[in-house]
Protein backbone atom coordinates (compact mmCIF):
# COMPACT_ATOMS: atom_id res chain seq x y z
CA MET A 1 54.48 25.64 -62.00
CA SER A 2 52.68 22.62 -63.12
CA VAL A 3 53.25 19.16 -62.04
CA GLY A 4 51.70 16.49 -64.91
CA SER A 5 50.72 13.16 -64.12
CA GLU A 6 48.74 10.61 -65.74
CA ASN A 7 45.23 11.04 -64.69
CA TYR A 8 45.62 14.67 -63.83
CA GLN A 9 47.44 18.19 -63.53
CA LEU A 10 48.04 19.89 -60.20
CA VAL A 11 48.57 23.71 -60.83
CA TRP A 12 50.40 25.65 -58.72
CA SER A 13 50.00 29.47 -58.79
CA GLU A 14 51.53 31.98 -57.02
CA ASP A 15 48.25 33.87 -56.54
CA PRO A 16 45.47 31.52 -56.14
CA GLY A 17 42.64 34.51 -55.89
CA PRO A 18 40.01 34.75 -53.22
CA GLU A 19 37.96 31.55 -54.27
CA ALA A 20 40.51 29.02 -53.41
CA SER A 21 41.18 30.65 -50.09
CA ARG A 22 37.21 29.88 -49.19
CA GLY A 23 37.63 26.16 -49.88
CA PRO A 24 35.06 23.93 -51.76
CA LEU A 25 32.84 23.86 -48.25
CA MET A 26 32.56 27.78 -49.10
CA GLY A 27 32.00 28.29 -52.83
CA GLY A 28 35.96 27.79 -53.56
CA ARG A 29 37.87 25.51 -55.75
CA TRP A 30 40.49 23.42 -55.16
CA GLY A 31 43.39 23.88 -56.66
CA CYS A 32 43.10 19.57 -57.02
CA SER A 33 40.78 18.46 -60.00
CA SER A 34 41.04 15.00 -59.37
CA PRO A 35 37.45 13.27 -58.87
CA LEU A 36 39.00 10.91 -56.50
CA SER A 37 40.31 13.49 -54.42
CA MET A 38 36.92 15.24 -54.39
CA LEU A 39 35.07 12.14 -53.29
CA ARG A 40 37.44 11.47 -49.94
CA ARG A 41 36.62 14.80 -49.00
CA VAL A 42 32.87 14.45 -49.42
CA ALA A 43 32.27 10.77 -48.92
CA PRO A 44 32.31 11.13 -44.37
CA ILE A 45 29.84 13.81 -45.06
CA ILE A 46 27.58 12.05 -46.96
CA ILE A 47 28.09 9.05 -44.91
CA LEU A 48 27.10 10.77 -41.74
CA ALA A 49 23.99 12.56 -43.15
CA SER A 50 22.56 9.19 -44.16
CA LEU A 51 22.82 7.79 -41.29
CA LEU A 52 21.44 10.53 -38.89
CA VAL A 53 18.53 10.27 -41.38
CA CYS A 54 18.18 6.34 -40.84
CA LEU A 55 18.49 7.00 -36.98
CA PHE A 56 15.90 9.57 -37.02
CA LEU A 57 13.19 7.42 -39.32
CA TYR A 58 13.89 4.15 -36.78
CA TYR A 59 14.07 5.62 -33.75
CA THR A 60 10.90 7.58 -33.85
CA SER A 61 9.07 5.20 -35.87
CA PRO A 62 6.51 2.64 -33.34
CA LEU A 63 7.03 -0.12 -35.67
CA GLY A 64 11.33 0.03 -35.53
CA ALA A 65 11.20 0.28 -31.92
CA THR A 66 8.99 -2.16 -31.22
CA ALA A 67 10.97 -4.55 -33.18
CA LEU A 68 13.69 -3.67 -31.02
CA TYR A 69 11.38 -3.86 -28.05
CA ALA A 70 10.44 -7.61 -28.15
CA PRO A 71 12.60 -9.39 -26.30
CA SER A 72 11.70 -12.73 -28.54
CA ALA A 73 12.95 -11.13 -31.61
CA ALA A 74 15.97 -9.78 -29.32
CA SER A 75 16.96 -13.24 -28.35
CA GLU A 76 16.98 -14.52 -31.50
CA THR A 77 19.38 -11.99 -32.95
CA THR A 78 22.04 -11.65 -29.69
CA GLY A 79 21.64 -15.18 -28.37
CA LEU A 80 20.77 -13.51 -24.73
CA ASP A 81 17.71 -15.62 -22.80
CA SER A 82 15.19 -14.40 -22.49
CA ALA A 83 15.38 -12.66 -18.94
CA THR A 84 18.67 -10.98 -19.96
CA THR A 85 16.75 -9.63 -22.87
CA GLU A 86 13.81 -8.45 -21.01
CA VAL A 87 16.62 -6.51 -18.67
CA TYR A 88 18.16 -4.83 -21.51
CA ARG A 89 14.60 -3.75 -23.32
CA LYS A 90 13.18 -2.42 -19.79
CA ARG A 91 16.34 -0.15 -19.74
CA LEU A 92 15.60 1.07 -23.74
CA ARG A 93 14.54 4.50 -24.29
CA PHE A 94 13.66 6.26 -27.49
CA ARG A 95 12.43 9.55 -28.22
CA GLY A 96 9.08 9.88 -27.63
CA THR A 97 8.65 6.84 -25.34
CA GLN A 98 7.88 7.02 -21.81
CA ARG A 99 7.04 4.31 -18.65
CA ARG A 100 3.52 4.36 -18.57
CA LEU A 101 0.90 2.52 -16.03
CA PRO A 102 -0.77 -0.75 -18.06
CA GLN A 103 -3.47 0.19 -19.87
CA ALA A 104 -4.71 -3.78 -20.17
CA LEU A 105 -3.83 -6.30 -17.70
CA ILE A 106 -4.24 -10.24 -18.07
CA ILE A 107 -5.21 -10.94 -14.95
CA GLY A 108 -5.64 -15.24 -14.83
CA VAL A 109 -6.40 -17.89 -15.00
CA ARG A 110 -3.18 -19.73 -13.77
CA LYS A 111 -2.62 -22.87 -15.80
CA CYS A 112 -5.15 -21.75 -18.44
CA GLY A 113 -2.72 -20.29 -20.83
CA THR A 114 -1.42 -16.67 -19.72
CA ARG A 115 1.90 -16.73 -20.97
CA ALA A 116 0.79 -18.13 -24.50
CA LEU A 117 -1.36 -15.15 -24.59
CA LEU A 118 0.82 -12.35 -23.64
CA GLU A 119 3.55 -13.83 -26.32
CA MET A 120 0.80 -13.72 -28.73
CA LEU A 121 -0.26 -10.44 -28.24
CA ASN A 122 3.37 -9.35 -28.18
CA LEU A 123 3.27 -9.74 -31.98
CA HIS A 124 1.27 -6.60 -32.53
CA PRO A 125 3.46 -3.42 -32.79
CA TYR A 126 1.13 -1.28 -30.83
CA ILE A 127 1.31 -3.58 -27.76
CA GLN A 128 4.34 -3.26 -25.19
CA LYS A 129 4.45 -6.07 -22.70
CA ASN A 130 5.52 -6.03 -19.63
CA GLY A 131 7.52 -10.04 -19.55
CA ALA A 132 8.04 -10.14 -15.58
CA GLU A 133 4.72 -11.06 -13.28
CA MET A 134 4.38 -7.98 -11.11
CA HIS A 135 2.33 -9.04 -8.27
CA PHE A 136 1.54 -5.65 -7.22
CA PHE A 137 -2.22 -5.78 -6.60
CA ASP A 138 -2.22 -9.17 -5.07
CA ASP A 139 0.55 -8.24 -2.74
CA ASP A 140 0.45 -5.58 0.33
CA GLU A 141 4.22 -5.45 0.73
CA ARG A 142 4.75 -4.48 -2.92
CA TYR A 143 1.43 -2.41 -3.23
CA ALA A 144 2.70 -0.11 -0.21
CA ASN A 145 5.86 0.67 -2.74
CA GLY A 146 3.03 2.82 -4.16
CA ILE A 147 1.86 3.44 -7.99
CA GLU A 148 4.49 5.12 -8.97
CA TRP A 149 7.18 2.56 -7.98
CA TYR A 150 5.06 0.31 -10.34
CA ARG A 151 5.06 3.22 -13.13
CA LYS A 152 8.94 2.51 -13.03
CA LYS A 153 8.67 -1.03 -13.68
CA MET A 154 6.95 -0.88 -16.75
CA PRO A 155 8.74 -0.85 -20.08
CA TYR A 156 8.82 2.61 -22.46
CA SER A 157 6.08 2.93 -24.70
CA PHE A 158 5.01 4.90 -27.44
CA ASP A 159 1.57 7.17 -27.05
CA ASN A 160 -0.36 4.80 -29.22
CA GLN A 161 1.31 1.68 -27.79
CA ILE A 162 -0.87 -0.25 -25.20
CA THR A 163 1.34 -1.31 -22.15
CA MET A 164 0.64 -4.84 -21.08
CA GLU A 165 1.19 -6.56 -17.54
CA LYS A 166 0.24 -10.58 -16.34
CA THR A 167 -0.10 -11.77 -13.05
CA PRO A 168 -2.32 -14.49 -12.99
CA SER A 169 -3.03 -14.49 -9.29
CA TYR A 170 -4.36 -11.64 -9.54
CA PHE A 171 -8.01 -13.10 -10.56
CA ILE A 172 -7.92 -15.05 -6.99
CA SER A 173 -7.22 -11.86 -5.06
CA ARG A 174 -9.88 -10.14 -2.78
CA GLU A 175 -7.71 -7.05 -3.25
CA ALA A 176 -6.76 -6.90 -6.85
CA PRO A 177 -9.96 -5.60 -8.32
CA ALA A 178 -10.52 -2.30 -6.10
CA ARG A 179 -7.04 -1.62 -6.36
CA ILE A 180 -6.84 -2.04 -10.04
CA HIS A 181 -9.56 0.14 -10.18
CA ALA A 182 -7.89 2.68 -8.26
CA MET A 183 -5.56 3.07 -10.53
CA ASN A 184 -7.51 3.23 -13.64
CA THR A 185 -11.42 2.69 -13.67
CA SER A 186 -10.87 2.26 -17.97
CA THR A 187 -8.33 -0.51 -17.29
CA ARG A 188 -9.42 -3.27 -19.73
CA LEU A 189 -8.69 -6.72 -18.21
CA LEU A 190 -8.09 -10.22 -19.88
CA LEU A 191 -9.16 -13.17 -18.61
CA ILE A 192 -8.19 -16.81 -20.26
CA VAL A 193 -9.76 -19.98 -18.61
CA ARG A 194 -10.24 -23.55 -19.86
CA GLU A 195 -11.96 -26.52 -19.18
CA PRO A 196 -11.25 -26.61 -14.95
CA ALA A 197 -10.90 -30.15 -14.16
CA ASP A 198 -8.04 -30.30 -16.80
CA ARG A 199 -6.49 -26.87 -15.27
CA VAL A 200 -6.25 -28.94 -12.04
CA LEU A 201 -4.40 -31.50 -13.74
CA SER A 202 -2.06 -28.85 -14.93
CA ASP A 203 -1.70 -27.00 -11.87
CA TYR A 204 -0.75 -29.94 -10.29
CA THR A 205 1.74 -31.47 -13.20
CA GLN A 206 3.96 -27.93 -12.82
CA ILE A 207 4.06 -28.06 -8.85
CA MET A 208 4.85 -32.28 -9.21
CA GLU A 209 7.52 -31.36 -11.94
CA SER A 210 9.32 -28.60 -10.11
CA LYS A 211 9.38 -30.86 -6.68
CA LEU A 212 10.88 -33.76 -8.25
CA ARG A 213 13.61 -31.51 -10.01
CA LYS A 214 14.44 -30.32 -6.26
CA GLY A 215 14.23 -34.15 -5.18
CA ILE A 216 11.23 -33.69 -3.59
CA GLN A 217 8.43 -36.33 -3.55
CA ILE A 218 4.85 -35.22 -4.25
CA ALA A 219 1.50 -37.11 -3.42
CA PRO A 220 -0.34 -38.82 -6.30
CA PHE A 221 -3.27 -36.81 -8.06
CA HIS A 222 -5.69 -38.83 -6.71
CA GLU A 223 -4.47 -38.19 -3.11
CA LYS A 224 -4.42 -34.55 -3.50
CA ILE A 225 -7.59 -33.82 -4.99
CA LEU A 226 -9.52 -36.24 -2.71
CA THR A 227 -10.14 -36.38 1.31
CA PRO A 228 -10.12 -39.71 3.05
CA ASP A 229 -13.51 -40.54 2.54
CA GLY A 230 -13.04 -40.09 -1.11
CA GLU A 231 -14.97 -36.92 -1.87
CA ILE A 232 -13.20 -33.98 -3.66
CA ASP A 233 -11.26 -31.83 -1.68
CA GLU A 234 -12.23 -28.22 -1.58
CA THR A 235 -9.29 -26.81 0.44
CA TYR A 236 -7.06 -27.92 -2.19
CA LYS A 237 -5.86 -24.64 -3.62
CA ALA A 238 -6.17 -26.03 -7.54
CA ILE A 239 -9.77 -26.74 -6.59
CA LYS A 240 -10.33 -23.36 -5.04
CA ILE A 241 -8.93 -21.76 -8.21
CA SER A 242 -10.84 -23.80 -10.77
CA GLN A 243 -14.23 -22.40 -8.95
CA TYR A 244 -14.20 -19.56 -11.52
CA ALA A 245 -18.04 -18.16 -10.59
CA ILE A 246 -16.52 -17.60 -7.15
CA HIS A 247 -13.53 -15.32 -8.27
CA VAL A 248 -15.31 -13.71 -11.22
CA LEU A 249 -18.19 -12.28 -9.04
CA ARG A 250 -15.49 -10.13 -7.14
CA TRP A 251 -14.39 -8.64 -10.21
CA LEU A 252 -18.15 -8.10 -12.29
CA ASN A 253 -18.73 -6.17 -8.92
CA VAL A 254 -15.61 -3.57 -9.49
CA PHE A 255 -16.01 -3.59 -13.28
CA PRO A 256 -18.71 -3.59 -15.86
CA ARG A 257 -18.78 -6.76 -18.02
CA ASP A 258 -17.60 -4.85 -21.57
CA GLN A 259 -14.50 -4.05 -19.78
CA ILE A 260 -13.40 -7.96 -19.08
CA HIS A 261 -12.67 -9.72 -22.06
CA ILE A 262 -12.65 -13.99 -21.54
CA VAL A 263 -10.49 -15.79 -23.78
CA ASP A 264 -11.13 -19.27 -23.95
CA GLY A 265 -7.92 -21.17 -23.48
CA ASP A 266 -8.78 -24.54 -24.89
CA LYS A 267 -9.83 -22.75 -28.21
CA LEU A 268 -6.69 -20.71 -28.23
CA ILE A 269 -4.41 -23.91 -28.16
CA ALA A 270 -6.59 -25.15 -31.13
CA ASP A 271 -6.84 -21.95 -33.29
CA PRO A 272 -4.99 -19.15 -31.89
CA PHE A 273 -5.46 -16.65 -34.69
CA ALA A 274 -9.52 -16.69 -33.79
CA GLU A 275 -8.92 -15.89 -30.33
CA ILE A 276 -6.26 -13.45 -30.40
CA ASP A 277 -8.40 -11.69 -33.23
CA LYS A 278 -11.38 -11.37 -30.70
CA VAL A 279 -8.62 -9.27 -28.48
CA GLN A 280 -7.37 -7.28 -30.76
CA ARG A 281 -10.54 -6.15 -31.47
CA PHE A 282 -11.50 -6.15 -27.80
CA LEU A 283 -8.34 -3.24 -27.24
CA ARG A 284 -9.67 -1.15 -30.33
CA LEU A 285 -6.46 -1.77 -32.06
CA PRO A 286 -5.76 -1.79 -35.31
CA LEU A 287 -5.89 -5.64 -36.88
CA HIS A 288 -2.42 -6.32 -37.61
CA ILE A 289 -2.17 -9.61 -36.35
CA THR A 290 -3.35 -12.50 -38.76
CA ALA A 291 -3.61 -16.32 -39.28
CA GLU A 292 -0.22 -15.88 -40.91
CA ASN A 293 1.43 -14.91 -37.71
CA PHE A 294 0.74 -18.85 -36.43
CA TYR A 295 2.24 -22.31 -37.72
CA PHE A 296 1.53 -25.59 -36.58
CA ASN A 297 4.89 -27.03 -35.36
CA GLU A 298 4.90 -30.44 -35.68
CA THR A 299 7.57 -31.43 -33.57
CA LYS A 300 6.69 -29.95 -30.71
CA GLY A 301 2.87 -30.65 -31.36
CA PHE A 302 1.19 -27.00 -30.77
CA TYR A 303 1.44 -23.77 -32.58
CA CYS A 304 3.87 -21.27 -32.59
CA MET A 305 4.55 -17.71 -33.68
CA ARG A 306 6.30 -15.87 -36.32
CA ASN A 307 6.51 -12.36 -38.01
CA GLU A 308 8.92 -10.78 -40.37
CA THR A 309 11.70 -10.88 -38.26
CA PHE A 310 11.30 -13.71 -36.00
CA GLN A 311 10.00 -17.20 -35.40
CA LYS A 312 9.46 -18.08 -31.52
CA CYS A 313 7.40 -21.56 -30.00
CA LEU A 314 6.55 -21.12 -26.17
CA ALA A 315 9.40 -22.94 -23.73
CA ASP A 316 9.49 -26.57 -23.41
CA SER A 317 7.68 -26.28 -20.19
CA LYS A 318 4.45 -25.05 -21.78
CA GLY A 319 2.15 -28.04 -22.61
CA ARG A 320 4.02 -30.74 -20.98
CA SER A 321 2.39 -33.84 -20.89
CA HIS A 322 0.08 -34.95 -18.15
CA PRO A 323 0.51 -38.18 -15.67
CA PHE A 324 -2.12 -40.77 -16.34
CA VAL A 325 -5.41 -40.10 -14.34
CA ASP A 326 -7.80 -42.64 -14.12
CA PRO A 327 -11.22 -41.23 -16.25
CA VAL A 328 -13.27 -41.98 -13.41
CA LEU A 329 -11.54 -39.76 -11.13
CA MET A 330 -11.75 -37.03 -13.59
CA SER A 331 -15.14 -37.53 -14.52
CA LYS A 332 -15.69 -37.36 -10.82
CA LEU A 333 -13.82 -33.65 -10.79
CA ARG A 334 -15.83 -32.48 -13.81
CA LYS A 335 -19.10 -33.39 -12.15
CA PHE A 336 -18.02 -31.41 -8.84
CA PHE A 337 -17.59 -28.56 -11.51
CA ALA A 338 -20.38 -28.43 -12.77
CA PRO A 339 -22.74 -26.13 -10.90
CA PHE A 340 -19.76 -23.74 -10.88
CA ASN A 341 -19.36 -24.06 -14.37
CA GLU A 342 -23.25 -23.07 -14.92
CA GLN A 343 -23.07 -20.27 -12.47
CA PHE A 344 -19.87 -18.91 -14.30
CA TYR A 345 -21.71 -19.43 -17.78
CA GLU A 346 -24.59 -17.17 -16.31
CA MET A 347 -22.44 -14.46 -14.96
CA VAL A 348 -20.36 -13.82 -17.68
CA GLY A 349 -22.78 -14.37 -20.47
CA GLN A 350 -20.39 -16.94 -22.26
CA ASN A 351 -21.30 -20.46 -22.67
CA PHE A 352 -18.09 -22.59 -22.72
CA SER A 353 -19.94 -26.08 -22.60
CA TRP A 354 -17.46 -27.89 -20.85
CA PRO A 355 -18.02 -31.36 -20.17
CA THR A 356 -19.98 -32.64 -17.07
CA LEU A 357 -18.77 -35.63 -16.44
């Protein structure tokens, strides 16, 4: 019996034979000769196979996984805030990844550009950042949780990626150098510094704005940095932090100088690529970050970052303007730091030529 149609002919046979019973996937033939019918049957198989191949290639590629890991990229596409994105990022796991102890640490200095440094380095596909400041090595209570607790706080990474954590207060900690050395003697350390007097003013400005948002008044800058008899108050914490020579000595007593790379924070602001390029060489990474990854934002007044999938500027709280300070007072502060700076230059073998007046 046959049924005719305008496009094709369906043939009914009382004895279709063994080939028909096997079906098309077993080498047989369907009685229907319609190309459309055949396409409907094989299309799902083709689509599924293609999807599996794409997923395999994407999830086993460090570049693909890095794109998903990057909080900045994720927030651009999902609309989630950076903190929420960071939580999701830490929970992502791809085949071939695991949580690892950091092989590199940004140890300080506070208000010298540690966040900018971390975000700029995160442009590199072989750097996996931990966005939160862990305070593991400078907080006795957290350190008591043990190194395995710390490791589990790190993001997932591939074998060829460097896990990096940033906690600026490590630099001024007495315990952090020995504790980090106990974790891994070959840990690479990044220290970013800037002109000490300007760093003190940035430190004061951040605290002042934080207090004002809570409705708390803070003493003016000159009262904070001067004693009643008009001398520099060395007990003020911001002054202590800027005495780099005192703190770096503890690190040099534990780590060799060639494991500590010092970033010029003032130059990072003016020419970010030049400083970041030195870091990726220090970390012995392929030179993936180029000058094209940075562009000057005229509105914000500083450099922002971009790659093939996203562009990002630091938060408005970064690069905030400072309150006016009498130049005579700033000169007095620079004169105070001058001998500490000279000691620092000699210790690290690097002259930053900071002003002395």
